[in-house]
Amino acid sequence: MIEQDTIKLLRECDAGIKMGVTSIDEVLDYAHHEELRKALSECKNENEKLKEEIQSLLDQYHDEGKDPNPMAKGMSWLKTNVKLTMNESDQTIADLITDGCNMGVKSLCRYLNQYKAADERSKNIAKQLIRLEEQLVIDLRTFL
């Protein structure tokens, strides 16, 4: 049970990071304010570091990881592009990323509760990811 919950939690973290990094990539070029670009880039870099750690652990379990749900990814892309086409502002970017982070935190908390038997290292990675997303929301508040 521990191994299965660990793999499932790591897979959800992997999918979440892929979704987050893609979302940041989609808006980064539209960011006008240097502090906004910096906050987004730093978060992306931290996510990529966690992704490497997750991939290393998944490799130990001979697991490929998980891609984000194609429907969720498509809806996110559509929402981002429609909103940015209508209003290409830092406020729009902050709003989009804040919504994404809040959904990510909610999902990760649900997975932590669902996969209680996961090992502590995997739980700590999920908690780190939650903290990263919560911090990005705080950093983006000045742009809302």
N, C-alpha and C. Protein backbone atom coordinates (compact mmCIF):
# COMPACT_ATOMS: atom_id res chain seq x y z
N MET A 1 0.83 -1.20 0.00
CA MET A 1 0.00 0.00 0.00
C MET A 1 0.86 1.25 0.00
N ILE A 2 1.94 1.25 0.77
CA ILE A 2 2.81 2.42 0.83
C ILE A 2 3.36 2.74 -0.54
N GLU A 3 3.85 1.70 -1.23
CA GLU A 3 4.45 1.94 -2.54
C GLU A 3 3.42 2.47 -3.53
N GLN A 4 2.22 1.90 -3.55
CA GLN A 4 1.19 2.35 -4.49
C GLN A 4 0.77 3.79 -4.21
N ASP A 5 0.56 4.14 -2.94
CA ASP A 5 0.19 5.51 -2.60
C ASP A 5 1.32 6.48 -2.93
N THR A 6 2.55 6.05 -2.71
CA THR A 6 3.70 6.89 -3.02
C THR A 6 3.76 7.19 -4.51
N ILE A 7 3.61 6.17 -5.32
CA ILE A 7 3.65 6.35 -6.77
C ILE A 7 2.51 7.25 -7.23
N LYS A 8 1.32 7.02 -6.70
CA LYS A 8 0.16 7.82 -7.10
C LYS A 8 0.34 9.29 -6.72
N LEU A 9 0.86 9.53 -5.52
CA LEU A 9 1.09 10.92 -5.09
C LEU A 9 2.16 11.58 -5.96
N LEU A 10 3.24 10.87 -6.22
CA LEU A 10 4.29 11.42 -7.07
C LEU A 10 3.77 11.71 -8.49
N ARG A 11 2.92 10.84 -8.99
CA ARG A 11 2.36 11.05 -10.33
C ARG A 11 1.50 12.31 -10.37
N GLU A 12 0.72 12.52 -9.34
CA GLU A 12 -0.13 13.73 -9.29
C GLU A 12 0.73 14.99 -9.17
N CYS A 13 1.79 14.91 -8.39
CA CYS A 13 2.71 16.05 -8.28
C CYS A 13 3.36 16.33 -9.63
N ASP A 14 3.75 15.27 -10.32
CA ASP A 14 4.36 15.39 -11.65
C ASP A 14 3.41 16.09 -12.62
N ALA A 15 2.16 15.64 -12.65
CA ALA A 15 1.17 16.24 -13.54
C ALA A 15 0.93 17.71 -13.17
N GLY A 16 0.88 17.98 -11.88
CA GLY A 16 0.66 19.35 -11.42
C GLY A 16 1.79 20.28 -11.81
N ILE A 17 3.00 19.81 -11.68
CA ILE A 17 4.16 20.62 -12.06
C ILE A 17 4.15 20.88 -13.57
N LYS A 18 3.87 19.86 -14.34
CA LYS A 18 3.83 20.04 -15.80
C LYS A 18 2.78 21.08 -16.17
N MET A 19 1.62 21.02 -15.52
CA MET A 19 0.55 21.98 -15.79
C MET A 19 0.99 23.39 -15.39
N GLY A 20 1.61 23.50 -14.22
CA GLY A 20 2.04 24.81 -13.74
C GLY A 20 3.12 25.44 -14.61
N VAL A 21 4.10 24.66 -14.99
CA VAL A 21 5.19 25.17 -15.82
C VAL A 21 4.65 25.59 -17.19
N THR A 22 3.75 24.80 -17.75
CA THR A 22 3.14 25.16 -19.04
C THR A 22 2.38 26.47 -18.91
N SER A 23 1.63 26.63 -17.83
CA SER A 23 0.86 27.85 -17.62
C SER A 23 1.77 29.07 -17.50
N ILE A 24 2.85 28.92 -16.76
CA ILE A 24 3.80 30.03 -16.62
C ILE A 24 4.42 30.36 -17.97
N ASP A 25 4.80 29.34 -18.72
CA ASP A 25 5.38 29.57 -20.05
C ASP A 25 4.41 30.32 -20.96
N GLU A 26 3.13 30.03 -20.84
CA GLU A 26 2.13 30.67 -21.70
C GLU A 26 1.99 32.16 -21.43
N VAL A 27 2.24 32.59 -20.19
CA VAL A 27 2.01 34.00 -19.84
C VAL A 27 3.29 34.82 -19.70
N LEU A 28 4.40 34.17 -19.55
CA LEU A 28 5.66 34.86 -19.23
C LEU A 28 6.01 35.96 -20.23
N ASP A 29 5.84 35.70 -21.50
CA ASP A 29 6.19 36.70 -22.52
C ASP A 29 5.26 37.91 -22.50
N TYR A 30 4.10 37.76 -21.91
CA TYR A 30 3.14 38.86 -21.84
C TYR A 30 3.36 39.76 -20.63
N ALA A 31 4.16 39.29 -19.67
CA ALA A 31 4.37 40.06 -18.44
C ALA A 31 5.17 41.32 -18.73
N HIS A 32 4.68 42.45 -18.25
CA HIS A 32 5.33 43.74 -18.48
C HIS A 32 6.28 44.12 -17.34
N HIS A 33 5.84 43.93 -16.13
CA HIS A 33 6.60 44.36 -14.96
C HIS A 33 7.71 43.35 -14.65
N GLU A 34 8.90 43.86 -14.40
CA GLU A 34 10.05 43.00 -14.14
C GLU A 34 9.84 42.12 -12.90
N GLU A 35 9.21 42.66 -11.87
CA GLU A 35 8.97 41.86 -10.65
C GLU A 35 8.02 40.70 -10.91
N LEU A 36 7.07 40.90 -11.79
CA LEU A 36 6.15 39.82 -12.15
C LEU A 36 6.91 38.73 -12.91
N ARG A 37 7.70 39.14 -13.89
CA ARG A 37 8.50 38.16 -14.65
C ARG A 37 9.43 37.40 -13.71
N LYS A 38 10.03 38.11 -12.76
CA LYS A 38 10.95 37.48 -11.81
C LYS A 38 10.22 36.45 -10.94
N ALA A 39 9.07 36.81 -10.41
CA ALA A 39 8.31 35.89 -9.55
C ALA A 39 7.90 34.64 -10.32
N LEU A 40 7.43 34.83 -11.55
CA LEU A 40 7.02 33.70 -12.38
C LEU A 40 8.22 32.81 -12.72
N SER A 41 9.32 33.42 -13.10
CA SER A 41 10.52 32.65 -13.47
C SER A 41 11.09 31.87 -12.29
N GLU A 42 11.13 32.51 -11.13
CA GLU A 42 11.66 31.82 -9.94
C GLU A 42 10.78 30.63 -9.58
N CYS A 43 9.47 30.81 -9.64
CA CYS A 43 8.57 29.72 -9.33
C CYS A 43 8.75 28.58 -10.35
N LYS A 44 8.87 28.93 -11.60
CA LYS A 44 9.08 27.92 -12.64
C LYS A 44 10.36 27.14 -12.38
N ASN A 45 11.43 27.84 -12.03
CA ASN A 45 12.71 27.17 -11.76
C ASN A 45 12.60 26.22 -10.58
N GLU A 46 11.92 26.65 -9.52
CA GLU A 46 11.73 25.79 -8.34
C GLU A 46 10.89 24.57 -8.70
N ASN A 47 9.87 24.78 -9.53
CA ASN A 47 9.04 23.66 -9.97
C ASN A 47 9.87 22.65 -10.78
N GLU A 48 10.75 23.16 -11.61
CA GLU A 48 11.57 22.27 -12.43
C GLU A 48 12.55 21.48 -11.57
N LYS A 49 13.06 22.09 -10.50
CA LYS A 49 13.93 21.35 -9.57
C LYS A 49 13.15 20.22 -8.90
N LEU A 50 11.93 20.53 -8.45
CA LEU A 50 11.10 19.49 -7.84
C LEU A 50 10.75 18.40 -8.84
N LYS A 51 10.54 18.79 -10.08
CA LYS A 51 10.22 17.80 -11.11
C LYS A 51 11.36 16.80 -11.29
N GLU A 52 12.60 17.30 -11.24
CA GLU A 52 13.75 16.40 -11.35
C GLU A 52 13.78 15.42 -10.18
N GLU A 53 13.50 15.91 -8.99
CA GLU A 53 13.47 15.04 -7.81
C GLU A 53 12.34 14.00 -7.93
N ILE A 54 11.20 14.45 -8.39
CA ILE A 54 10.06 13.53 -8.58
C ILE A 54 10.41 12.48 -9.62
N GLN A 55 11.00 12.91 -10.73
CA GLN A 55 11.34 11.97 -11.79
C GLN A 55 12.35 10.93 -11.30
N SER A 56 13.29 11.36 -10.49
CA SER A 56 14.27 10.43 -9.93
C SER A 56 13.58 9.37 -9.07
N LEU A 57 12.63 9.81 -8.26
CA LEU A 57 11.90 8.85 -7.42
C LEU A 57 11.02 7.94 -8.26
N LEU A 58 10.35 8.51 -9.25
CA LEU A 58 9.51 7.68 -10.12
C LEU A 58 10.36 6.65 -10.88
N ASP A 59 11.55 7.04 -11.28
CA ASP A 59 12.45 6.10 -11.95
C ASP A 59 12.77 4.91 -11.06
N GLN A 60 12.92 5.16 -9.77
CA GLN A 60 13.19 4.07 -8.82
C GLN A 60 12.03 3.07 -8.78
N TYR A 61 10.82 3.57 -9.02
CA TYR A 61 9.64 2.70 -9.04
C TYR A 61 9.29 2.23 -10.45
N HIS A 62 10.17 2.56 -11.42
CA HIS A 62 9.96 2.19 -12.82
C HIS A 62 8.62 2.72 -13.33
N ASP A 63 8.36 3.99 -13.01
CA ASP A 63 7.11 4.63 -13.41
C ASP A 63 7.43 5.83 -14.30
N GLU A 64 6.61 6.03 -15.30
CA GLU A 64 6.82 7.11 -16.28
C GLU A 64 6.37 8.48 -15.79
N GLY A 65 5.56 8.52 -14.75
CA GLY A 65 4.99 9.78 -14.32
C GLY A 65 3.64 9.98 -14.96
N LYS A 66 3.15 11.20 -14.93
CA LYS A 66 1.81 11.46 -15.43
C LYS A 66 1.75 12.82 -16.09
N ASP A 67 1.07 12.88 -17.23
CA ASP A 67 0.82 14.15 -17.89
C ASP A 67 -0.49 14.73 -17.36
N PRO A 68 -0.63 16.04 -17.44
CA PRO A 68 -1.90 16.64 -17.02
C PRO A 68 -3.06 16.13 -17.86
N ASN A 69 -4.24 16.18 -17.29
CA ASN A 69 -5.45 15.80 -18.01
C ASN A 69 -5.55 16.67 -19.27
N PRO A 70 -5.66 16.05 -20.45
CA PRO A 70 -5.71 16.82 -21.69
C PRO A 70 -6.86 17.84 -21.74
N MET A 71 -8.00 17.48 -21.16
CA MET A 71 -9.14 18.39 -21.15
C MET A 71 -8.83 19.61 -20.27
N ALA A 72 -8.27 19.37 -19.10
CA ALA A 72 -7.91 20.49 -18.20
C ALA A 72 -6.85 21.36 -18.84
N LYS A 73 -5.88 20.73 -19.48
CA LYS A 73 -4.82 21.48 -20.14
C LYS A 73 -5.37 22.34 -21.29
N GLY A 74 -6.27 21.76 -22.07
CA GLY A 74 -6.87 22.49 -23.17
C GLY A 74 -7.74 23.65 -22.70
N MET A 75 -8.50 23.42 -21.65
CA MET A 75 -9.35 24.49 -21.11
C MET A 75 -8.50 25.61 -20.53
N SER A 76 -7.41 25.26 -19.88
CA SER A 76 -6.51 26.26 -19.33
C SER A 76 -5.90 27.10 -20.44
N TRP A 77 -5.45 26.44 -21.50
CA TRP A 77 -4.86 27.14 -22.63
C TRP A 77 -5.88 28.10 -23.25
N LEU A 78 -7.09 27.61 -23.44
CA LEU A 78 -8.14 28.43 -24.04
C LEU A 78 -8.45 29.64 -23.17
N LYS A 79 -8.64 29.41 -21.88
CA LYS A 79 -8.95 30.51 -20.96
C LYS A 79 -7.83 31.54 -20.96
N THR A 80 -6.59 31.07 -20.89
CA THR A 80 -5.44 31.97 -20.87
C THR A 80 -5.39 32.82 -22.14
N ASN A 81 -5.51 32.18 -23.27
CA ASN A 81 -5.39 32.91 -24.53
C ASN A 81 -6.55 33.85 -24.79
N VAL A 82 -7.75 33.48 -24.41
CA VAL A 82 -8.90 34.37 -24.58
C VAL A 82 -8.74 35.59 -23.68
N LYS A 83 -8.41 35.35 -22.41
CA LYS A 83 -8.28 36.48 -21.47
C LYS A 83 -7.14 37.41 -21.87
N LEU A 84 -6.01 36.84 -22.30
CA LEU A 84 -4.88 37.69 -22.69
C LEU A 84 -5.15 38.43 -24.00
N THR A 85 -5.94 37.85 -24.88
CA THR A 85 -6.30 38.54 -26.11
C THR A 85 -7.18 39.74 -25.80
N MET A 86 -8.08 39.57 -24.83
CA MET A 86 -8.99 40.65 -24.46
C MET A 86 -8.29 41.72 -23.61
N ASN A 87 -7.33 41.30 -22.80
CA ASN A 87 -6.68 42.24 -21.89
C ASN A 87 -5.27 41.75 -21.57
N GLU A 88 -4.31 42.21 -22.33
CA GLU A 88 -2.91 41.78 -22.17
C GLU A 88 -2.25 42.63 -21.08
N SER A 89 -2.58 42.31 -19.82
CA SER A 89 -2.04 43.10 -18.71
C SER A 89 -1.45 42.20 -17.64
N ASP A 90 -0.64 42.81 -16.79
CA ASP A 90 -0.07 42.07 -15.66
C ASP A 90 -1.18 41.62 -14.71
N GLN A 91 -2.24 42.43 -14.62
CA GLN A 91 -3.36 42.06 -13.76
C GLN A 91 -4.03 40.78 -14.26
N THR A 92 -4.20 40.66 -15.55
CA THR A 92 -4.80 39.46 -16.14
C THR A 92 -3.91 38.25 -15.87
N ILE A 93 -2.61 38.41 -16.03
CA ILE A 93 -1.66 37.33 -15.78
C ILE A 93 -1.74 36.90 -14.32
N ALA A 94 -1.70 37.86 -13.42
CA ALA A 94 -1.76 37.56 -11.99
C ALA A 94 -3.06 36.83 -11.64
N ASP A 95 -4.15 37.26 -12.25
CA ASP A 95 -5.45 36.64 -12.00
C ASP A 95 -5.45 35.19 -12.49
N LEU A 96 -4.97 34.95 -13.69
CA LEU A 96 -4.93 33.60 -14.26
C LEU A 96 -4.06 32.67 -13.43
N ILE A 97 -2.86 33.13 -13.10
CA ILE A 97 -1.92 32.28 -12.36
C ILE A 97 -2.41 32.04 -10.93
N THR A 98 -3.03 33.05 -10.32
CA THR A 98 -3.58 32.88 -8.98
C THR A 98 -4.67 31.80 -8.99
N ASP A 99 -5.56 31.86 -9.98
CA ASP A 99 -6.59 30.83 -10.09
C ASP A 99 -5.97 29.44 -10.25
N GLY A 100 -4.96 29.34 -11.09
CA GLY A 100 -4.29 28.05 -11.31
C GLY A 100 -3.61 27.54 -10.06
N CYS A 101 -2.94 28.42 -9.35
CA CYS A 101 -2.27 28.02 -8.11
C CYS A 101 -3.28 27.54 -7.07
N ASN A 102 -4.39 28.27 -6.96
CA ASN A 102 -5.41 27.88 -5.99
C ASN A 102 -5.99 26.51 -6.32
N MET A 103 -6.21 26.23 -7.59
CA MET A 103 -6.69 24.91 -8.00
C MET A 103 -5.63 23.85 -7.71
N GLY A 104 -4.36 24.20 -7.95
CA GLY A 104 -3.28 23.26 -7.68
C GLY A 104 -3.16 22.93 -6.20
N VAL A 105 -3.25 23.93 -5.36
CA VAL A 105 -3.17 23.71 -3.91
C VAL A 105 -4.33 22.82 -3.46
N LYS A 106 -5.51 23.12 -3.95
CA LYS A 106 -6.69 22.33 -3.59
C LYS A 106 -6.50 20.87 -4.00
N SER A 107 -6.04 20.65 -5.22
CA SER A 107 -5.83 19.28 -5.71
C SER A 107 -4.75 18.56 -4.91
N LEU A 108 -3.64 19.24 -4.68
CA LEU A 108 -2.55 18.59 -3.94
C LEU A 108 -2.95 18.24 -2.51
N CYS A 109 -3.70 19.11 -1.87
CA CYS A 109 -4.19 18.80 -0.52
C CYS A 109 -5.11 17.58 -0.56
N ARG A 110 -5.96 17.51 -1.58
CA ARG A 110 -6.84 16.36 -1.73
C ARG A 110 -6.01 15.08 -1.91
N TYR A 111 -4.97 15.15 -2.74
CA TYR A 111 -4.14 13.96 -2.97
C TYR A 111 -3.36 13.56 -1.72
N LEU A 112 -2.91 14.53 -0.96
CA LEU A 112 -2.23 14.21 0.31
C LEU A 112 -3.17 13.45 1.25
N ASN A 113 -4.41 13.86 1.27
CA ASN A 113 -5.40 13.17 2.11
C ASN A 113 -5.78 11.82 1.54
N GLN A 114 -5.83 11.74 0.24
CA GLN A 114 -6.24 10.49 -0.42
C GLN A 114 -5.16 9.41 -0.33
N TYR A 115 -3.90 9.83 -0.45
CA TYR A 115 -2.79 8.87 -0.45
C TYR A 115 -2.01 8.95 0.85
N LYS A 116 -2.70 8.73 1.94
CA LYS A 116 -2.12 8.85 3.29
C LYS A 116 -0.95 7.90 3.53
N ALA A 117 -0.94 6.77 2.83
CA ALA A 117 0.11 5.77 3.05
C ALA A 117 1.39 6.08 2.27
N ALA A 118 1.41 7.15 1.50
CA ALA A 118 2.62 7.51 0.75
C ALA A 118 3.77 7.74 1.71
N ASP A 119 4.99 7.52 1.24
CA ASP A 119 6.15 7.72 2.12
C ASP A 119 6.35 9.20 2.42
N GLU A 120 7.09 9.47 3.48
CA GLU A 120 7.27 10.85 3.96
C GLU A 120 7.97 11.74 2.93
N ARG A 121 8.91 11.17 2.20
CA ARG A 121 9.63 11.96 1.20
C ARG A 121 8.67 12.49 0.13
N SER A 122 7.78 11.64 -0.32
CA SER A 122 6.80 12.05 -1.34
C SER A 122 5.81 13.06 -0.77
N LYS A 123 5.38 12.85 0.46
CA LYS A 123 4.48 13.81 1.10
C LYS A 123 5.18 15.17 1.24
N ASN A 124 6.46 15.15 1.59
CA ASN A 124 7.20 16.41 1.73
C ASN A 124 7.33 17.14 0.40
N ILE A 125 7.50 16.40 -0.68
CA ILE A 125 7.56 17.02 -2.01
C ILE A 125 6.23 17.69 -2.32
N ALA A 126 5.13 16.99 -2.04
CA ALA A 126 3.81 17.58 -2.28
C ALA A 126 3.63 18.84 -1.44
N LYS A 127 4.08 18.80 -0.20
CA LYS A 127 3.96 19.97 0.68
C LYS A 127 4.84 21.12 0.18
N GLN A 128 6.02 20.81 -0.34
CA GLN A 128 6.88 21.84 -0.92
C GLN A 128 6.19 22.50 -2.12
N LEU A 129 5.58 21.68 -2.93
CA LEU A 129 4.87 22.19 -4.10
C LEU A 129 3.71 23.09 -3.68
N ILE A 130 2.99 22.69 -2.66
CA ILE A 130 1.90 23.51 -2.12
C ILE A 130 2.45 24.85 -1.65
N ARG A 131 3.55 24.82 -0.91
CA ARG A 131 4.15 26.08 -0.41
C ARG A 131 4.59 26.97 -1.56
N LEU A 132 5.17 26.40 -2.61
CA LEU A 132 5.58 27.18 -3.78
C LEU A 132 4.38 27.89 -4.41
N GLU A 133 3.29 27.17 -4.56
CA GLU A 133 2.11 27.76 -5.19
C GLU A 133 1.49 28.82 -4.28
N GLU A 134 1.46 28.55 -2.99
CA GLU A 134 0.93 29.55 -2.05
C GLU A 134 1.79 30.80 -2.05
N GLN A 135 3.10 30.64 -2.13
CA GLN A 135 3.99 31.80 -2.14
C GLN A 135 3.82 32.60 -3.43
N LEU A 136 3.64 31.92 -4.55
CA LEU A 136 3.44 32.64 -5.80
C LEU A 136 2.16 33.47 -5.74
N VAL A 137 1.11 32.92 -5.16
CA VAL A 137 -0.14 33.68 -5.00
C VAL A 137 0.12 34.95 -4.20
N ILE A 138 0.88 34.82 -3.13
CA ILE A 138 1.21 36.00 -2.30
C ILE A 138 2.02 37.00 -3.12
N ASP A 139 3.01 36.51 -3.85
CA ASP A 139 3.86 37.40 -4.65
C ASP A 139 3.08 38.13 -5.74
N LEU A 140 2.01 37.53 -6.23
CA LEU A 140 1.24 38.12 -7.33
C LEU A 140 0.15 39.07 -6.86
N ARG A 141 -0.11 39.12 -5.58
CA ARG A 141 -1.21 39.96 -5.07
C ARG A 141 -1.06 41.42 -5.46
N THR A 142 0.16 41.93 -5.51
CA THR A 142 0.34 43.34 -5.85
C THR A 142 -0.02 43.65 -7.30
N PHE A 143 -0.17 42.61 -8.12
CA PHE A 143 -0.51 42.82 -9.52
C PHE A 143 -1.99 42.62 -9.81
N LEU A 144 -2.75 42.18 -8.82
CA LEU A 144 -4.20 41.93 -9.02
C LEU A 144 -4.97 43.24 -9.11
